[in-house]
Amino acid sequence: MGLAESGHPFLWIIRPDMVAGDSAILPPEFIEERKERSFICSWCPQEEVLNHPSIRGFLTHSGWGSTMESISSGVPMLCWPFCGDQQTNCRYTCSEWGIGMEIDNNVKRENVKKLVRELMEGEKGEKMKKKAMEWRKLAEEASGPTADKPHAVCIPFAAQGHIKSMIKLAKLLHYKGFHITFVNTEFNHQRLLKSRGPDAMNGLPDFRFESIPDGLPPSNENATQDVAGLCEAAMKNLLAPFNELLDKLNDSASSNAPPVTCIVSDGFMPVAIDAAEMHRIPIALFFTISACSFMGFKQFQALQEKGLTPLKDESFLTNGYLDKVVDWIPGMRDIRLRDLPSFIRTTDPDDIFFKFCAVCAGRASEGSALIFHTFDVLEQEVLNAIYPMFPRVYTIGPLQLLLNQKQEADLSSVGYNLWKEEVECLHWLDSHKPRSVIYVNFGSITTVTKEQLVEFGMATC
């Protein structure tokens, strides 16, 4: 196990549903032998962890929310991308921004141990830390200060990272005077109640929560829902209940809220575009992914038309084909097929994830405006290519740094975690020296095999 052999203390987040088809349990001998140098829990307050002085590095799945939070905290990364946009985020983190090192998908403990030690004690790790602090400074500069209440209905894609970013944007809009209606699926509404307590969704008079059914079969409330099913819901199932909610909010007889002024929808919720058109309400599409990943998704149709995807057979995953450089994507220099969002690595021409992402990127032009959770200097080249494509494109971020500038007392009860945070990990971090701990968290939907869990564990400690 890589973490176990690196000689450094670590905080490791292991969700109950993280191991595919099995329980996320490490060998007892691993727990006993490393208990003085490790803390393992199921979830944590990530922003507080990343800003804790004991944290030196972050072993991450390269989800965009986690990447932005790491940049905001000045913490370098070890990147193990799982799926979707994470490959592209990893490429930019490591090759463009100089604040990460990639762990091969075929994870081996020796490689993990070597990279952990390089990050924690090596010369490259020192350079990455310095570079990460430079990016933090630029992020802080980018998030510096800038009659009737407008009413924004905010609807995220039904996954943890998307909900978290949308809640943060909704809070910022609330500070600017917006009345907010935040819409969750009924499944996630119940999960938030369970993780944050029975009063968590009460909100405020001008920051309200609503829920709508997603039309999916009942799921274990402790588990992440099937992502393919969520994509199907975002394409079809949610339209009717979302329309009904908009009708209710605009009915002065049954609602004490101002009329809906606009919809702020996740870019991966195309039903919201249809609903906005039906109600003649402007819609801003908020992409919680990186701009470079969005540009990758935007090329899916062209990649298919050029015969680059789907793959002819599974041998193309390992025969070097994915190292082919794609030299025609605007704003993305020297990008390889393997650096593009992982859904191109399919042999199925009807792959649900490929089709869903292609549709969402293709429909971006139907939004009144596009919002990206990023800041210009971080993704300047690709943003310069995106700006001419759409009439209104805005960057906002890092969101947490913007929220840090606000007095959050009124909205402190408005949370976003679908798992209960184990704050005891912060007390454990307090007992360690500055920059001595590696933080490990693969996000809210990554699943690993039992063998991969063991390989990571024995490398890290």
Protein backbone atom coordinates (compact mmCIF):
# COMPACT_ATOMS: atom_id res chain seq x y z
CA MET A 1 0.00 0.00 0.00
CA GLY A 2 1.60 3.23 -1.21
CA LEU A 3 0.42 5.58 1.54
CA ALA A 4 1.65 3.17 4.20
CA GLU A 5 5.24 3.12 2.95
CA SER A 6 5.89 6.80 2.28
CA GLY A 7 6.67 7.65 5.91
CA HIS A 8 4.33 10.66 6.08
CA PRO A 9 1.15 11.22 8.09
CA PHE A 10 -2.02 11.32 6.05
CA LEU A 11 -5.71 12.18 6.29
CA TRP A 12 -7.70 9.86 4.00
CA ILE A 13 -11.37 10.25 3.10
CA ILE A 14 -12.94 6.86 2.31
CA ARG A 15 -16.66 7.03 1.51
CA PRO A 16 -18.75 3.98 2.49
CA ASP A 17 -19.68 3.49 -1.19
CA MET A 18 -16.21 4.11 -2.64
CA VAL A 19 -15.23 0.51 -3.42
CA ALA A 20 -17.14 -0.87 -6.39
CA GLY A 21 -19.23 -3.85 -5.35
CA ASP A 22 -17.59 -4.19 -1.93
CA SER A 23 -17.19 -2.47 1.41
CA ALA A 24 -14.52 0.23 1.71
CA ILE A 25 -12.53 -1.48 4.45
CA LEU A 26 -8.74 -1.59 4.68
CA PRO A 27 -6.93 -4.61 6.16
CA PRO A 28 -6.95 -4.52 10.01
CA GLU A 29 -3.15 -4.72 10.13
CA PHE A 30 -2.96 -1.55 8.04
CA ILE A 31 -5.19 0.35 10.47
CA GLU A 32 -3.35 -0.89 13.56
CA GLU A 33 0.18 -0.30 12.28
CA ARG A 34 -0.52 3.20 10.95
CA LYS A 35 -2.98 4.54 13.51
CA GLU A 36 -0.44 7.02 14.92
CA ARG A 37 0.26 8.48 11.49
CA SER A 38 -3.14 8.30 9.87
CA PHE A 39 -6.71 9.51 10.25
CA ILE A 40 -9.40 7.87 8.13
CA CYS A 41 -12.97 9.19 7.94
CA SER A 42 -15.89 9.13 5.53
CA TRP A 43 -16.14 12.89 4.79
CA CYS A 44 -14.68 16.18 5.98
CA PRO A 45 -14.95 19.99 5.65
CA GLN A 46 -12.57 20.14 2.70
CA GLU A 47 -11.92 23.90 2.57
CA GLU A 48 -10.92 23.90 6.25
CA VAL A 49 -8.68 20.88 5.72
CA LEU A 50 -6.92 22.37 2.70
CA ASN A 51 -6.29 25.62 4.57
CA HIS A 52 -4.97 23.87 7.69
CA PRO A 53 -1.25 24.66 8.22
CA SER A 54 -0.38 20.96 8.58
CA ILE A 55 -1.43 20.14 5.00
CA ARG A 56 1.42 19.87 2.50
CA GLY A 57 -0.29 18.18 -0.45
CA PHE A 58 -3.57 16.86 -1.82
CA LEU A 59 -3.98 13.46 -3.50
CA THR A 60 -7.06 14.12 -5.58
CA HIS A 61 -9.29 12.77 -8.36
CA SER A 62 -8.91 16.14 -10.16
CA GLY A 63 -12.56 17.11 -9.94
CA TRP A 64 -12.82 20.80 -10.82
CA GLY A 65 -14.29 21.87 -7.49
CA SER A 66 -11.48 20.16 -5.58
CA THR A 67 -8.89 21.56 -7.99
CA MET A 68 -10.14 25.12 -7.51
CA GLU A 69 -10.24 24.70 -3.74
CA SER A 70 -6.67 23.40 -3.78
CA ILE A 71 -5.53 26.34 -5.92
CA SER A 72 -7.36 28.75 -3.59
CA SER A 73 -5.49 27.22 -0.65
CA GLY A 74 -2.06 27.13 -2.30
CA VAL A 75 -1.79 23.34 -2.00
CA PRO A 76 0.01 21.27 -4.70
CA MET A 77 -1.61 18.07 -5.94
CA LEU A 78 -1.05 14.46 -6.86
CA CYS A 79 -3.63 13.74 -9.54
CA TRP A 80 -5.41 10.43 -10.13
CA PRO A 81 -8.20 11.34 -12.58
CA PHE A 82 -11.17 8.98 -12.62
CA CYS A 83 -13.53 10.02 -15.41
CA GLY A 84 -15.11 12.80 -17.43
CA ASP A 85 -13.43 16.20 -17.27
CA GLN A 86 -10.88 15.02 -14.70
CA GLN A 87 -8.33 13.91 -17.32
CA THR A 88 -8.31 17.42 -18.80
CA ASN A 89 -8.08 19.07 -15.37
CA CYS A 90 -5.16 16.78 -14.55
CA ARG A 91 -3.34 17.70 -17.76
CA TYR A 92 -3.60 21.43 -17.04
CA THR A 93 -2.77 21.04 -13.33
CA CYS A 94 0.42 19.13 -14.11
CA SER A 95 1.59 20.46 -17.49
CA GLU A 96 0.26 24.01 -17.74
CA TRP A 97 0.10 25.28 -14.15
CA GLY A 98 3.00 23.28 -12.68
CA ILE A 99 1.25 22.37 -9.43
CA GLY A 100 0.60 18.66 -9.85
CA MET A 101 2.05 15.25 -10.67
CA GLU A 102 -0.04 12.52 -12.29
CA ILE A 103 -0.48 9.02 -10.88
CA ASP A 104 -0.87 6.39 -13.59
CA ASN A 105 -4.35 4.90 -13.90
CA ASN A 106 -2.88 1.44 -13.27
CA VAL A 107 -2.01 2.43 -9.71
CA LYS A 108 0.99 0.69 -8.12
CA ARG A 109 2.17 1.25 -4.56
CA GLU A 110 5.79 1.91 -5.53
CA ASN A 111 4.76 4.70 -7.90
CA VAL A 112 2.40 6.22 -5.33
CA LYS A 113 5.08 6.05 -2.61
CA LYS A 114 7.64 7.69 -4.90
CA LEU A 115 5.31 10.54 -5.89
CA VAL A 116 4.12 11.13 -2.31
CA ARG A 117 7.73 11.43 -1.14
CA GLU A 118 8.59 13.72 -4.04
CA LEU A 119 5.65 15.95 -3.17
CA MET A 120 6.30 15.97 0.57
CA GLU A 121 10.09 16.19 0.70
CA GLY A 122 11.55 16.47 -2.80
CA GLU A 123 12.87 19.40 -4.80
CA LYS A 124 10.00 19.17 -7.28
CA GLY A 125 7.54 19.23 -4.39
CA GLU A 126 9.12 22.47 -3.14
CA LYS A 127 8.84 24.03 -6.59
CA MET A 128 5.21 22.93 -6.85
CA LYS A 129 4.43 24.43 -3.43
CA LYS A 130 6.00 27.73 -4.46
CA LYS A 131 4.05 27.70 -7.73
CA ALA A 132 0.83 26.80 -5.88
CA MET A 133 1.28 29.82 -3.61
CA GLU A 134 1.79 32.01 -6.69
CA TRP A 135 -1.49 30.71 -8.13
CA ARG A 136 -3.19 31.32 -4.78
CA LYS A 137 -2.06 34.95 -4.91
CA LEU A 138 -3.42 35.30 -8.45
CA ALA A 139 -6.67 33.65 -7.34
CA GLU A 140 -6.99 36.14 -4.47
CA GLU A 141 -6.43 39.03 -6.87
CA ALA A 142 -9.04 37.61 -9.27
CA SER A 143 -11.63 37.36 -6.49
CA GLY A 144 -11.07 40.87 -5.12
CA PRO A 145 -13.94 43.45 -4.69
CA THR A 146 -15.92 44.29 -7.56
CA ALA A 147 -35.45 48.61 -5.97
CA ASP A 148 -36.97 45.28 -6.49
CA LYS A 149 -35.38 42.00 -5.55
CA PRO A 150 -34.51 39.89 -8.60
CA HIS A 151 -35.44 36.23 -8.11
CA ALA A 152 -33.01 33.56 -9.33
CA VAL A 153 -33.98 29.90 -9.44
CA CYS A 154 -30.77 27.87 -9.10
CA ILE A 155 -30.80 24.24 -10.21
CA PRO A 156 -27.63 22.11 -10.09
CA PHE A 157 -26.84 18.75 -11.64
CA ALA A 158 -27.63 16.22 -8.91
CA ALA A 159 -24.06 15.38 -7.82
CA GLN A 160 -22.08 16.62 -4.81
CA GLY A 161 -19.49 18.76 -6.62
CA HIS A 162 -22.13 20.46 -8.77
CA ILE A 163 -24.41 21.15 -5.78
CA LYS A 164 -21.52 22.57 -3.77
CA SER A 165 -20.47 25.04 -6.47
CA MET A 166 -24.06 26.10 -7.20
CA ILE A 167 -24.75 26.75 -3.50
CA LYS A 168 -21.68 28.99 -3.35
CA LEU A 169 -22.78 30.94 -6.43
CA ALA A 170 -26.31 31.22 -5.02
CA LYS A 171 -24.91 32.66 -1.78
CA LEU A 172 -22.96 35.28 -3.73
CA LEU A 173 -26.09 36.23 -5.68
CA HIS A 174 -27.98 36.47 -2.39
CA TYR A 175 -25.36 38.88 -1.05
CA LYS A 176 -25.95 40.98 -4.17
CA GLY A 177 -29.65 41.29 -3.35
CA PHE A 178 -31.18 38.30 -5.15
CA HIS A 179 -34.05 36.27 -3.78
CA ILE A 180 -32.89 32.66 -4.21
CA THR A 181 -34.87 29.49 -4.78
CA PHE A 182 -32.48 26.53 -4.73
CA VAL A 183 -33.81 23.34 -6.33
CA ASN A 184 -32.60 19.87 -5.38
CA THR A 185 -33.92 16.48 -6.36
CA GLU A 186 -36.02 14.87 -3.64
CA PHE A 187 -33.31 12.22 -3.20
CA ASN A 188 -30.58 14.79 -2.52
CA HIS A 189 -32.93 16.92 -0.43
CA GLN A 190 -33.35 13.97 1.93
CA ARG A 191 -29.60 13.30 1.97
CA LEU A 192 -28.91 16.91 2.93
CA LEU A 193 -31.46 16.65 5.74
CA LYS A 194 -29.74 13.51 6.98
CA SER A 195 -26.21 14.96 6.83
CA ARG A 196 -27.03 18.42 8.21
CA GLY A 197 -30.05 17.88 10.46
CA PRO A 198 -33.83 18.32 10.20
CA ASP A 199 -33.69 22.12 10.03
CA ALA A 200 -31.00 22.29 7.35
CA MET A 201 -33.39 23.00 4.49
CA ASN A 202 -35.45 25.67 6.24
CA GLY A 203 -33.38 28.38 4.60
CA LEU A 204 -34.23 32.07 5.08
CA PRO A 205 -37.21 34.15 3.92
CA ASP A 206 -35.25 35.12 0.79
CA PHE A 207 -33.13 31.95 0.37
CA ARG A 208 -35.52 29.04 -0.01
CA PHE A 209 -35.11 25.37 -0.86
CA GLU A 210 -37.45 23.37 -3.08
CA SER A 211 -37.27 19.76 -4.25
CA ILE A 212 -38.57 17.96 -7.31
CA PRO A 213 -38.72 14.22 -8.15
CA ASP A 214 -36.07 12.86 -10.51
CA GLY A 215 -38.13 9.92 -11.76
CA LEU A 216 -35.42 7.40 -10.87
CA PRO A 217 -35.94 4.15 -8.92
CA PRO A 218 -35.43 4.36 -5.14
CA SER A 219 -31.75 4.29 -4.10
CA ASN A 220 -29.81 3.69 -0.91
CA GLU A 221 -29.66 7.14 0.68
CA ASN A 222 -26.06 6.51 1.77
CA ALA A 223 -24.90 5.80 -1.77
CA THR A 224 -24.23 7.92 -4.81
CA GLN A 225 -26.99 7.53 -7.40
CA ASP A 226 -26.29 5.90 -10.73
CA VAL A 227 -24.68 8.65 -12.82
CA ALA A 228 -26.12 7.35 -16.09
CA GLY A 229 -29.57 7.60 -14.52
CA LEU A 230 -28.87 11.17 -13.42
CA CYS A 231 -27.93 12.06 -17.00
CA GLU A 232 -31.20 10.56 -18.22
CA ALA A 233 -33.11 12.57 -15.61
CA ALA A 234 -31.32 15.77 -16.61
CA MET A 235 -32.34 15.17 -20.23
CA LYS A 236 -35.99 14.16 -19.72
CA ASN A 237 -37.47 13.28 -16.32
CA LEU A 238 -37.04 16.63 -14.58
CA LEU A 239 -38.74 18.83 -17.17
CA ALA A 240 -42.36 18.37 -16.05
CA PRO A 241 -41.75 18.78 -12.29
CA PHE A 242 -39.44 21.75 -12.87
CA ASN A 243 -42.09 23.44 -15.03
CA GLU A 244 -44.66 22.87 -12.28
CA LEU A 245 -42.32 24.44 -9.73
CA LEU A 246 -41.79 27.53 -11.91
CA ASP A 247 -45.56 27.87 -12.31
CA LYS A 248 -45.98 27.67 -8.53
CA LEU A 249 -43.25 30.25 -7.87
CA ASN A 250 -44.84 32.67 -10.35
CA ASP A 251 -48.35 32.22 -8.93
CA SER A 252 -48.88 35.26 -6.71
CA ALA A 253 -51.76 33.51 -4.97
CA SER A 254 -49.62 30.63 -3.69
CA SER A 255 -46.15 32.19 -3.48
CA ASN A 256 -44.89 35.03 -1.32
CA ALA A 257 -41.72 35.30 -3.39
CA PRO A 258 -41.14 37.87 -6.14
CA PRO A 259 -41.70 36.63 -9.72
CA VAL A 260 -38.88 34.55 -11.16
CA THR A 261 -36.43 36.88 -12.92
CA CYS A 262 -33.98 34.29 -14.23
CA ILE A 263 -32.84 30.69 -14.00
CA VAL A 264 -29.26 29.86 -13.10
CA SER A 265 -28.86 26.30 -14.27
CA ASP A 266 -26.00 23.87 -14.24
CA GLY A 267 -24.71 23.54 -17.80
CA PHE A 268 -25.44 19.82 -17.50
CA MET A 269 -29.18 20.31 -16.91
CA PRO A 270 -30.55 20.75 -20.45
CA VAL A 271 -34.16 20.40 -19.23
CA ALA A 272 -33.75 23.82 -17.61
CA ILE A 273 -33.10 25.36 -21.05
CA ASP A 274 -36.40 23.91 -22.29
CA ALA A 275 -38.23 25.17 -19.19
CA ALA A 276 -36.73 28.66 -19.56
CA GLU A 277 -37.88 28.81 -23.18
CA MET A 278 -41.41 27.69 -22.25
CA HIS A 279 -41.66 30.35 -19.53
CA ARG A 280 -39.77 33.00 -21.52
CA ILE A 281 -37.30 33.47 -18.69
CA PRO A 282 -33.60 34.22 -19.36
CA ILE A 283 -31.24 31.44 -18.32
CA ALA A 284 -27.58 31.61 -17.34
CA LEU A 285 -25.73 28.31 -17.72
CA PHE A 286 -23.21 27.75 -14.94
CA PHE A 287 -20.48 25.26 -15.83
CA THR A 288 -18.92 23.96 -12.62
CA ILE A 289 -16.19 22.29 -14.70
CA SER A 290 -13.04 23.98 -15.99
CA ALA A 291 -13.13 26.03 -19.18
CA CYS A 292 -10.59 23.65 -20.73
CA SER A 293 -12.84 20.67 -20.02
CA PHE A 294 -15.81 22.52 -21.50
CA MET A 295 -13.79 23.13 -24.66
CA GLY A 296 -13.01 19.41 -24.74
CA PHE A 297 -16.71 18.53 -24.48
CA LYS A 298 -17.46 21.12 -27.18
CA GLN A 299 -15.32 19.08 -29.61
CA PHE A 300 -17.12 15.76 -29.06
CA GLN A 301 -19.22 16.07 -32.21
CA ALA A 302 -16.19 17.05 -34.32
CA LEU A 303 -14.14 14.19 -32.86
CA GLN A 304 -16.91 11.79 -33.86
CA GLU A 305 -17.24 13.29 -37.34
CA LYS A 306 -13.47 12.94 -37.87
CA GLY A 307 -13.61 9.28 -36.85
CA LEU A 308 -11.45 9.73 -33.75
CA THR A 309 -14.18 8.34 -31.49
CA PRO A 310 -15.75 5.91 -30.75
CA LEU A 311 -12.73 3.60 -30.61
CA LYS A 312 -12.70 0.70 -33.04
CA ASP A 313 -12.05 -1.78 -30.22
CA GLU A 314 -10.64 -1.89 -26.70
CA SER A 315 -7.06 -2.43 -27.92
CA PHE A 316 -7.04 1.29 -28.78
CA LEU A 317 -6.99 2.01 -25.04
CA THR A 318 -3.50 0.54 -24.68
CA ASN A 319 -1.84 0.54 -28.12
CA GLY A 320 -0.70 4.17 -28.07
CA TYR A 321 -3.65 5.54 -30.02
CA LEU A 322 -4.65 7.85 -27.16
CA ASP A 323 -1.26 9.59 -27.39
CA LYS A 324 -2.31 11.09 -30.73
CA VAL A 325 -2.05 14.91 -30.60
CA VAL A 326 -5.18 16.82 -31.60
CA ASP A 327 -3.84 20.05 -33.06
CA TRP A 328 -7.05 21.78 -34.18
CA ILE A 329 -8.86 22.56 -30.91
CA PRO A 330 -8.89 26.33 -30.26
CA GLY A 331 -6.89 27.41 -27.23
CA MET A 332 -5.59 23.93 -26.38
CA ARG A 333 -1.97 23.42 -27.42
CA ASP A 334 -0.42 19.95 -27.73
CA ILE A 335 -3.51 18.27 -26.32
CA ARG A 336 -3.61 14.49 -26.71
CA LEU A 337 -6.69 12.30 -27.01
CA ARG A 338 -5.92 10.92 -23.54
CA ASP A 339 -6.06 14.46 -22.11
CA LEU A 340 -9.61 15.06 -23.34
CA PRO A 341 -12.62 14.13 -21.18
CA SER A 342 -12.61 10.37 -20.74
CA PHE A 343 -15.96 9.69 -22.40
CA ILE A 344 -14.25 9.64 -25.82
CA ARG A 345 -12.67 6.33 -24.73
CA THR A 346 -15.74 4.34 -25.62
CA THR A 347 -16.34 1.70 -28.28
CA ASP A 348 -20.11 2.27 -28.12
CA PRO A 349 -21.48 4.83 -30.62
CA ASP A 350 -24.53 5.22 -28.35
CA ASP A 351 -22.58 5.70 -25.11
CA ILE A 352 -24.88 7.65 -22.75
CA PHE A 353 -22.11 9.77 -21.21
CA PHE A 354 -20.62 10.76 -24.57
CA LYS A 355 -24.02 11.68 -26.01
CA PHE A 356 -25.10 13.54 -22.86
CA CYS A 357 -21.95 15.69 -22.69
CA ALA A 358 -22.04 16.39 -26.43
CA VAL A 359 -25.67 17.54 -26.15
CA CYS A 360 -24.98 19.76 -23.13
CA ALA A 361 -21.95 21.42 -24.72
CA GLY A 362 -23.85 21.82 -27.99
CA ARG A 363 -26.79 23.51 -26.27
CA ALA A 364 -24.59 26.02 -24.42
CA SER A 365 -25.30 28.56 -27.16
CA GLU A 366 -28.99 28.53 -26.11
CA GLY A 367 -28.18 30.14 -22.77
CA SER A 368 -28.56 33.89 -22.28
CA ALA A 369 -25.10 33.78 -20.70
CA LEU A 370 -22.40 31.28 -19.76
CA ILE A 371 -20.66 31.33 -16.38
CA PHE A 372 -17.46 29.41 -15.63
CA HIS A 373 -16.08 28.70 -12.18
CA THR A 374 -12.56 29.88 -12.96
CA PHE A 375 -10.50 33.05 -13.27
CA ASP A 376 -9.03 34.46 -16.46
CA VAL A 377 -5.31 34.24 -15.81
CA LEU A 378 -5.62 30.54 -14.90
CA GLU A 379 -7.16 29.48 -18.24
CA GLN A 380 -6.38 32.50 -20.43
CA GLU A 381 -5.71 30.72 -23.74
CA VAL A 382 -8.82 28.57 -23.75
CA LEU A 383 -11.01 31.41 -22.45
CA ASN A 384 -9.74 33.64 -25.26
CA ALA A 385 -10.97 30.94 -27.64
CA ILE A 386 -14.35 30.60 -25.86
CA TYR A 387 -15.20 34.32 -25.58
CA PRO A 388 -15.88 34.82 -29.34
CA MET A 389 -18.07 31.70 -29.48
CA PHE A 390 -20.85 33.07 -27.25
CA PRO A 391 -22.36 36.54 -26.78
CA ARG A 392 -21.94 36.62 -22.99
CA VAL A 393 -19.29 34.65 -21.10
CA TYR A 394 -18.41 35.40 -17.48
CA THR A 395 -15.78 33.94 -15.18
CA ILE A 396 -16.33 33.94 -11.44
CA GLY A 397 -13.99 32.43 -8.93
CA PRO A 398 -12.58 30.97 -6.97
CA LEU A 399 -16.00 30.95 -5.32
CA GLN A 400 -14.72 30.14 -1.84
CA LEU A 401 -12.34 33.11 -1.85
CA LEU A 402 -15.22 35.37 -2.86
CA LEU A 403 -17.34 33.96 -0.03
CA ASN A 404 -14.48 34.43 2.42
CA GLN A 405 -14.87 38.18 1.89
CA LYS A 406 -18.49 38.10 3.08
CA GLN A 407 -19.97 38.03 6.55
CA GLU A 408 -21.64 34.63 6.30
CA ALA A 409 -23.57 34.60 9.57
CA ASP A 410 -26.98 34.79 7.86
CA LEU A 411 -26.21 31.93 5.46
CA SER A 412 -24.02 29.80 7.72
CA SER A 413 -26.83 27.23 7.99
CA VAL A 414 -27.01 26.82 4.21
CA GLY A 415 -24.82 23.80 3.49
CA TYR A 416 -24.09 21.49 0.59
CA ASN A 417 -22.51 18.24 1.77
CA LEU A 418 -24.42 15.03 1.06
CA TRP A 419 -22.29 13.22 3.66
CA LYS A 420 -21.96 14.17 7.30
CA GLU A 421 -18.63 15.94 7.89
CA GLU A 422 -16.35 14.40 10.50
CA VAL A 423 -14.77 17.51 12.02
CA GLU A 424 -12.64 15.40 14.38
CA CYS A 425 -10.09 15.25 11.59
CA LEU A 426 -9.34 18.94 12.17
CA HIS A 427 -8.33 18.22 15.77
CA TRP A 428 -6.05 15.46 14.48
CA LEU A 429 -4.47 17.90 12.02
CA ASP A 430 -3.84 20.32 14.90
CA SER A 431 -1.46 17.76 16.41
CA HIS A 432 0.85 17.75 13.37
CA LYS A 433 3.62 20.06 12.26
CA PRO A 434 3.02 22.58 9.45
CA ARG A 435 3.19 21.11 5.93
CA SER A 436 3.66 17.54 7.16
CA VAL A 437 0.37 15.85 6.16
CA ILE A 438 -0.92 14.59 2.83
CA TYR A 439 -4.68 14.87 2.32
CA VAL A 440 -6.33 12.14 0.22
CA ASN A 441 -9.85 12.49 -1.17
CA PHE A 442 -11.15 11.10 -4.47
CA GLY A 443 -14.39 13.08 -4.44
CA SER A 444 -18.03 12.13 -4.29
CA ILE A 445 -18.55 9.70 -7.19
CA THR A 446 -15.17 8.02 -7.79
CA THR A 447 -15.22 4.28 -7.22
CA VAL A 448 -12.13 2.10 -6.91
CA THR A 449 -11.46 -1.61 -6.79
CA LYS A 450 -10.47 -3.24 -3.53
CA GLU A 451 -7.02 -3.84 -5.03
CA GLN A 452 -6.60 -0.15 -5.90
CA LEU A 453 -7.62 0.84 -2.37
CA VAL A 454 -4.93 -1.43 -0.95
CA GLU A 455 -2.28 -0.19 -3.42
CA PHE A 456 -2.95 3.44 -2.47
CA GLY A 457 -3.02 2.67 1.23
CA MET A 458 0.24 0.78 1.42
CA ALA A 459 2.01 3.54 -0.53
CA THR A 460 0.91 6.54 1.45
CA CYS A 461 1.93 6.12 5.02
